[in-house]
Amino acid sequence: MSKGIYPLFKLILGLGNKDIEQINKTALIYAKNNIQMIDCALSVFEPLKSFLIQNNIDVSKIKFCTSIALLGDVHNKKAKINKNCKRCNKCKDICSQKAIENFNNELKVNTIKCCGCRACEKVCKNNAVDIYEINTYDDDLEQIKSFKKNCSNLIPDVLEVHLSIKKRKKILKEFEQILKIFRGDISICLSRKYFGIEKAIKIINELKELFDKYNKNSEFYVQLDGSSINNANSEYKSNLEALAFLSSVENLPYKFIISGGINDKIIELCKLLNLKPYGFAFGSWARKIAHDEELVRKFVNDTAEFYA
């Protein structure tokens, strides 16, 4: 990472988040503050980009990233309220996505809004929350194939592949399949949930070799996922897993973006530890403060001044 350049500010709108009204509002306020990348689900990419254009945003200055997750990755999860619910509303109160709503005196999860953060499951004392996996992988692959048939402005600039599953061989096989149908910038998102650091480094190197085979002239980003989908925790310790991952790999020749639990404390901690990632990917925290324009402006500016 070269010194003296802006760190990448990436806004994560959530792979599981399909609430287009909230997505549009959040993306617009950050786009007005000159962030460099927006990450969203494949199904909302086109309407979001059109909305920003209609609101006089110069989208040529923003890289649009869409995501796909292998089956088993944490980003493919949703919550459901079961019959054990006592209607204490603790899950409703803690949900940063406002995805838990009252329907006929029952609490239900709005799957359009739910991003699978599991905050509701953790706060429930009655075992009333079930977490289940959604399978959009095959449909997402078909949509990626369709990009070839569309005009160029409807093709995302970056495709992010969430790869945090147990089987290394499956990771490599599925990644190669994706590379065969998408030619462009790629971001891989990997956590240390299933791998020690040496194995994680080996997988990253193997993925880069595959990338070079099909996509050598494009950008290759490595998103290091810490405490993934953490419901906008504002504590210092929420950043530690991402920082530990970065500190173990920062000497490798890749464009590392840190994510997963990072919040407004991350810049302070990176300076303290003398860690210099290529960029920061903010999800839950960025969405939590999106209602406050002044707070968003300060947040983006503080990140932009990281290398000053």
Protein backbone atom coordinates (compact mmCIF):
# COMPACT_ATOMS: atom_id res chain seq x y z
CA MET A 1 0.00 0.00 0.00
CA SER A 2 1.53 3.30 -1.07
CA LYS A 3 1.51 6.10 1.46
CA GLY A 4 -0.10 9.43 0.77
CA ILE A 5 -3.18 8.19 -1.08
CA TYR A 6 -6.76 8.06 0.07
CA PRO A 7 -7.72 4.78 1.68
CA LEU A 8 -10.66 3.16 -0.07
CA PHE A 9 -13.98 3.79 1.71
CA LYS A 10 -16.38 0.99 0.84
CA LEU A 11 -20.02 1.16 1.92
CA ILE A 12 -21.54 -2.27 2.51
CA LEU A 13 -25.31 -2.24 2.11
CA GLY A 14 -25.62 -5.94 2.94
CA LEU A 15 -25.80 -9.05 0.79
CA GLY A 16 -29.05 -10.08 2.46
CA ASN A 17 -30.50 -6.57 2.56
CA LYS A 18 -33.10 -6.09 -0.21
CA ASP A 19 -34.88 -3.08 1.34
CA ILE A 20 -34.47 -0.80 -1.67
CA GLU A 21 -35.89 2.29 0.07
CA GLN A 22 -33.36 2.06 2.90
CA ILE A 23 -30.60 1.10 0.47
CA ASN A 24 -31.25 4.14 -1.72
CA LYS A 25 -31.33 6.57 1.21
CA THR A 26 -28.14 5.18 2.74
CA ALA A 27 -26.21 5.03 -0.53
CA LEU A 28 -27.24 8.57 -1.48
CA ILE A 29 -25.98 10.22 1.70
CA TYR A 30 -22.61 8.43 1.43
CA ALA A 31 -22.31 9.05 -2.32
CA LYS A 32 -22.74 12.77 -1.65
CA ASN A 33 -19.67 12.51 0.57
CA ASN A 34 -17.47 11.09 -2.20
CA ILE A 35 -16.91 7.52 -1.10
CA GLN A 36 -15.16 5.30 -3.62
CA MET A 37 -17.09 2.01 -3.57
CA ILE A 38 -20.62 0.76 -2.85
CA ASP A 39 -21.33 -2.92 -2.21
CA CYS A 40 -24.86 -4.30 -2.62
CA ALA A 41 -26.80 -7.44 -3.49
CA LEU A 42 -26.99 -8.39 -7.15
CA SER A 43 -30.75 -7.89 -7.24
CA VAL A 44 -30.59 -4.24 -6.15
CA PHE A 45 -27.55 -3.13 -8.16
CA GLU A 46 -29.39 -1.83 -11.23
CA PRO A 47 -32.20 0.07 -9.42
CA LEU A 48 -29.68 1.56 -6.98
CA LYS A 49 -27.39 2.83 -9.73
CA SER A 50 -30.37 4.31 -11.59
CA PHE A 51 -31.59 6.02 -8.41
CA LEU A 52 -28.21 7.66 -7.81
CA ILE A 53 -28.05 8.90 -11.40
CA GLN A 54 -31.54 10.38 -11.02
CA ASN A 55 -30.28 12.22 -7.92
CA ASN A 56 -27.38 13.82 -9.79
CA ILE A 57 -24.62 11.59 -8.45
CA ASP A 58 -21.63 11.18 -10.78
CA VAL A 59 -21.57 7.39 -10.69
CA SER A 60 -18.42 7.30 -12.84
CA LYS A 61 -16.51 8.20 -9.66
CA ILE A 62 -17.91 5.24 -7.72
CA LYS A 63 -17.04 1.59 -8.13
CA PHE A 64 -20.14 -0.57 -7.79
CA CYS A 65 -19.51 -3.93 -6.17
CA THR A 66 -22.04 -6.75 -6.10
CA SER A 67 -21.71 -9.86 -3.96
CA ILE A 68 -22.23 -13.57 -4.20
CA ALA A 69 -21.75 -16.02 -1.32
CA LEU A 70 -20.93 -19.70 -1.41
CA LEU A 71 -23.39 -21.96 0.38
CA GLY A 72 -22.38 -22.17 4.03
CA ASP A 73 -20.99 -18.65 4.24
CA VAL A 74 -22.39 -16.52 7.07
CA HIS A 75 -23.69 -13.93 4.62
CA ASN A 76 -26.36 -16.40 3.42
CA LYS A 77 -28.30 -16.41 6.69
CA LYS A 78 -31.72 -15.11 7.76
CA ALA A 79 -33.63 -15.13 11.06
CA LYS A 80 -37.10 -16.46 11.83
CA ILE A 81 -39.22 -16.13 14.99
CA ASN A 82 -40.62 -19.46 16.19
CA LYS A 83 -43.50 -20.47 18.51
CA ASN A 84 -41.39 -20.02 21.67
CA CYS A 85 -41.71 -16.24 21.32
CA LYS A 86 -43.01 -14.47 24.48
CA ARG A 87 -43.26 -11.09 22.69
CA CYS A 88 -40.79 -9.39 25.03
CA ASN A 89 -39.61 -7.26 22.06
CA LYS A 90 -35.92 -7.58 22.94
CA CYS A 91 -35.16 -8.88 19.44
CA LYS A 92 -37.19 -6.09 17.86
CA ASP A 93 -35.40 -3.43 19.91
CA ILE A 94 -31.89 -4.65 19.10
CA CYS A 95 -32.34 -5.16 15.35
CA SER A 96 -30.30 -2.48 13.56
CA GLN A 97 -32.12 -3.23 10.29
CA LYS A 98 -35.59 -2.73 11.83
CA ALA A 99 -36.41 -6.09 10.29
CA ILE A 100 -38.54 -7.43 13.16
CA GLU A 101 -42.08 -6.16 12.98
CA ASN A 102 -45.47 -6.71 14.65
CA PHE A 103 -48.04 -8.59 12.55
CA ASN A 104 -51.38 -9.29 14.22
CA ASN A 105 -49.80 -9.25 17.68
CA GLU A 106 -46.99 -11.56 16.58
CA LEU A 107 -43.35 -10.74 15.95
CA LYS A 108 -42.15 -11.69 12.50
CA VAL A 109 -38.96 -11.11 10.53
CA ASN A 110 -39.17 -9.07 7.35
CA THR A 111 -36.78 -11.07 5.17
CA ILE A 112 -36.38 -8.15 2.77
CA LYS A 113 -34.64 -6.18 5.54
CA CYS A 114 -32.96 -8.99 7.51
CA CYS A 115 -29.19 -9.24 6.91
CA GLY A 116 -28.61 -12.29 9.13
CA CYS A 117 -26.58 -10.57 11.84
CA ARG A 118 -27.96 -12.92 14.56
CA ALA A 119 -28.29 -10.12 17.12
CA CYS A 120 -31.88 -11.21 17.71
CA GLU A 121 -30.79 -14.79 18.37
CA LYS A 122 -28.15 -13.68 20.88
CA VAL A 123 -30.49 -11.45 22.90
CA CYS A 124 -33.39 -13.95 23.03
CA LYS A 125 -33.67 -15.92 26.30
CA ASN A 126 -36.50 -18.14 25.07
CA ASN A 127 -34.85 -19.90 22.11
CA ALA A 128 -37.43 -18.22 19.92
CA VAL A 129 -35.14 -17.31 17.02
CA ASP A 130 -34.09 -19.77 14.35
CA ILE A 131 -31.29 -19.00 11.88
CA TYR A 132 -31.58 -20.60 8.48
CA GLU A 133 -29.65 -20.53 5.24
CA ILE A 134 -30.98 -19.07 2.02
CA ASN A 135 -29.85 -20.44 -1.32
CA THR A 136 -29.52 -17.78 -3.99
CA TYR A 137 -26.18 -19.00 -5.33
CA ASP A 138 -27.43 -20.63 -8.55
CA ASP A 139 -29.72 -17.68 -9.32
CA ASP A 140 -26.87 -15.27 -8.67
CA LEU A 141 -24.61 -17.19 -11.06
CA GLU A 142 -27.25 -16.92 -13.76
CA GLN A 143 -27.53 -13.19 -13.18
CA ILE A 144 -23.75 -12.82 -13.46
CA LYS A 145 -23.89 -14.65 -16.79
CA SER A 146 -26.56 -12.22 -17.96
CA PHE A 147 -24.21 -9.26 -17.49
CA LYS A 148 -22.49 -10.23 -20.75
CA LYS A 149 -25.73 -9.59 -22.62
CA ASN A 150 -26.41 -6.18 -21.04
CA CYS A 151 -25.02 -2.81 -22.00
CA SER A 152 -21.79 -1.87 -20.22
CA ASN A 153 -23.30 0.58 -17.72
CA LEU A 154 -25.33 -2.26 -16.17
CA ILE A 155 -22.29 -4.40 -15.41
CA PRO A 156 -20.86 -4.04 -11.87
CA ASP A 157 -17.28 -2.82 -11.61
CA VAL A 158 -16.35 -5.36 -8.94
CA LEU A 159 -17.69 -8.79 -8.03
CA GLU A 160 -17.16 -9.82 -4.43
CA VAL A 161 -17.12 -13.52 -3.61
CA HIS A 162 -17.76 -14.55 0.01
CA LEU A 163 -15.70 -17.68 0.56
CA SER A 164 -15.79 -18.46 4.28
CA ILE A 165 -16.72 -22.14 4.19
CA LYS A 166 -14.94 -25.18 5.58
CA LYS A 167 -13.80 -26.97 2.41
CA ARG A 168 -10.73 -25.50 0.69
CA LYS A 169 -11.16 -27.52 -2.51
CA LYS A 170 -14.76 -26.36 -2.87
CA ILE A 171 -13.65 -22.74 -2.40
CA LEU A 172 -11.14 -23.07 -5.24
CA LYS A 173 -13.56 -24.96 -7.52
CA GLU A 174 -16.42 -22.49 -7.11
CA PHE A 175 -14.12 -19.48 -7.44
CA GLU A 176 -12.76 -20.79 -10.74
CA GLN A 177 -16.31 -21.32 -12.00
CA ILE A 178 -17.13 -17.68 -11.19
CA LEU A 179 -13.95 -16.43 -12.90
CA LYS A 180 -14.97 -18.21 -16.08
CA ILE A 181 -18.19 -16.19 -16.34
CA PHE A 182 -17.18 -12.80 -14.90
CA ARG A 183 -14.25 -10.82 -16.30
CA GLY A 184 -13.45 -7.75 -14.25
CA ASP A 185 -12.28 -6.64 -10.83
CA ILE A 186 -12.69 -9.28 -8.13
CA SER A 187 -12.81 -9.01 -4.36
CA ILE A 188 -12.54 -12.14 -2.23
CA CYS A 189 -13.99 -11.99 1.27
CA LEU A 190 -12.46 -14.46 3.70
CA SER A 191 -12.58 -14.86 7.48
CA ARG A 192 -10.49 -16.98 9.83
CA LYS A 193 -13.51 -18.88 11.12
CA TYR A 194 -12.39 -22.20 9.62
CA PHE A 195 -8.67 -21.64 8.99
CA GLY A 196 -5.50 -20.87 10.84
CA ILE A 197 -3.47 -17.99 9.45
CA GLU A 198 -1.07 -20.19 7.45
CA LYS A 199 -3.92 -21.98 5.70
CA ALA A 200 -5.72 -18.68 5.09
CA ILE A 201 -2.59 -17.28 3.43
CA LYS A 202 -2.26 -20.42 1.31
CA ILE A 203 -5.88 -20.07 0.13
CA ILE A 204 -5.43 -16.38 -0.68
CA ASN A 205 -2.33 -17.19 -2.76
CA GLU A 206 -4.13 -20.02 -4.57
CA LEU A 207 -7.10 -17.77 -5.33
CA LYS A 208 -4.75 -15.13 -6.74
CA GLU A 209 -3.15 -17.73 -9.02
CA LEU A 210 -6.59 -18.65 -10.36
CA PHE A 211 -7.46 -14.99 -10.77
CA ASP A 212 -4.32 -14.36 -12.83
CA LYS A 213 -5.21 -17.29 -15.08
CA TYR A 214 -8.50 -15.67 -16.17
CA ASN A 215 -8.41 -12.02 -15.16
CA LYS A 216 -4.82 -10.85 -14.96
CA ASN A 217 -5.41 -7.27 -16.12
CA SER A 218 -8.10 -6.52 -13.53
CA GLU A 219 -7.90 -5.54 -9.86
CA PHE A 220 -7.73 -8.20 -7.13
CA TYR A 221 -8.90 -7.13 -3.67
CA VAL A 222 -8.74 -9.20 -0.50
CA GLN A 223 -11.38 -8.32 2.07
CA LEU A 224 -10.38 -9.57 5.51
CA ASP A 225 -13.56 -10.35 7.43
CA GLY A 226 -13.35 -9.94 11.19
CA SER A 227 -16.46 -10.16 13.39
CA SER A 228 -18.80 -10.41 10.45
CA ILE A 229 -22.29 -8.83 10.60
CA ASN A 230 -22.14 -7.62 14.20
CA ASN A 231 -25.22 -5.38 14.44
CA ALA A 232 -23.31 -2.08 14.58
CA ASN A 233 -21.36 -2.69 17.78
CA SER A 234 -19.56 0.53 18.77
CA GLU A 235 -16.96 -0.99 21.12
CA TYR A 236 -13.20 -1.04 20.53
CA LYS A 237 -13.09 -4.83 20.85
CA SER A 238 -15.44 -5.21 17.88
CA ASN A 239 -12.51 -4.24 15.61
CA LEU A 240 -9.95 -6.66 17.04
CA GLU A 241 -10.58 -9.72 14.86
CA ALA A 242 -10.20 -7.73 11.65
CA LEU A 243 -7.06 -6.04 12.96
CA ALA A 244 -5.53 -9.37 14.02
CA PHE A 245 -6.14 -10.79 10.55
CA LEU A 246 -4.59 -7.74 8.88
CA SER A 247 -1.53 -7.75 11.12
CA SER A 248 -0.84 -11.37 10.12
CA VAL A 249 -0.93 -10.78 6.36
CA GLU A 250 -0.13 -7.09 5.77
CA ASN A 251 3.29 -7.83 4.23
CA LEU A 252 1.73 -9.83 1.40
CA PRO A 253 1.49 -7.98 -1.96
CA TYR A 254 -2.30 -7.60 -2.02
CA LYS A 255 -4.84 -4.81 -1.69
CA PHE A 256 -6.26 -5.62 1.72
CA ILE A 257 -9.60 -4.16 2.78
CA ILE A 258 -10.68 -4.78 6.35
CA SER A 259 -14.28 -5.40 7.34
CA GLY A 260 -16.45 -7.26 9.78
CA GLY A 261 -17.19 -5.45 13.05
CA ILE A 262 -15.17 -2.35 12.23
CA ASN A 263 -16.62 0.98 13.33
CA ASP A 264 -15.60 4.57 14.08
CA LYS A 265 -12.77 3.32 16.34
CA ILE A 266 -10.89 1.57 13.53
CA ILE A 267 -8.87 4.58 12.33
CA GLU A 268 -7.61 5.29 15.83
CA LEU A 269 -6.64 1.65 16.31
CA CYS A 270 -4.88 1.37 12.94
CA LYS A 271 -2.80 4.44 13.75
CA LEU A 272 -1.97 3.07 17.18
CA LEU A 273 -0.86 -0.27 15.72
CA ASN A 274 0.78 1.25 12.62
CA LEU A 275 -1.39 -0.84 10.31
CA LYS A 276 -2.10 0.52 6.84
CA PRO A 277 -4.79 -1.37 4.92
CA TYR A 278 -5.66 -0.45 1.36
CA GLY A 279 -9.19 0.31 2.48
CA PHE A 280 -12.03 -0.02 4.96
CA ALA A 281 -15.39 -1.68 4.29
CA PHE A 282 -18.05 -0.37 6.65
CA GLY A 283 -21.39 -2.16 6.91
CA SER A 284 -23.56 -2.22 10.02
CA TRP A 285 -21.92 0.84 11.56
CA ALA A 286 -22.20 2.91 8.40
CA ARG A 287 -25.87 2.02 8.01
CA LYS A 288 -26.56 2.76 11.67
CA ILE A 289 -25.42 6.40 11.43
CA ALA A 290 -26.82 7.06 7.94
CA HIS A 291 -29.69 9.14 9.31
CA ASP A 292 -27.26 11.83 10.53
CA GLU A 293 -25.70 13.74 7.60
CA GLU A 294 -23.17 15.59 9.75
CA LEU A 295 -22.00 12.40 11.45
CA VAL A 296 -21.64 10.67 8.07
CA ARG A 297 -19.62 13.60 6.70
CA LYS A 298 -17.22 13.51 9.68
CA PHE A 299 -16.95 9.71 9.50
CA VAL A 300 -16.02 9.73 5.80
CA ASN A 301 -13.62 12.68 6.20
CA ASP A 302 -11.84 11.07 9.17
CA THR A 303 -11.34 7.91 7.10
CA ALA A 304 -10.12 9.88 4.08
CA GLU A 305 -7.49 11.63 6.22
CA PHE A 306 -6.07 8.33 7.48
CA TYR A 307 -2.86 8.67 5.43
CA ALA A 308 -2.54 12.43 5.83
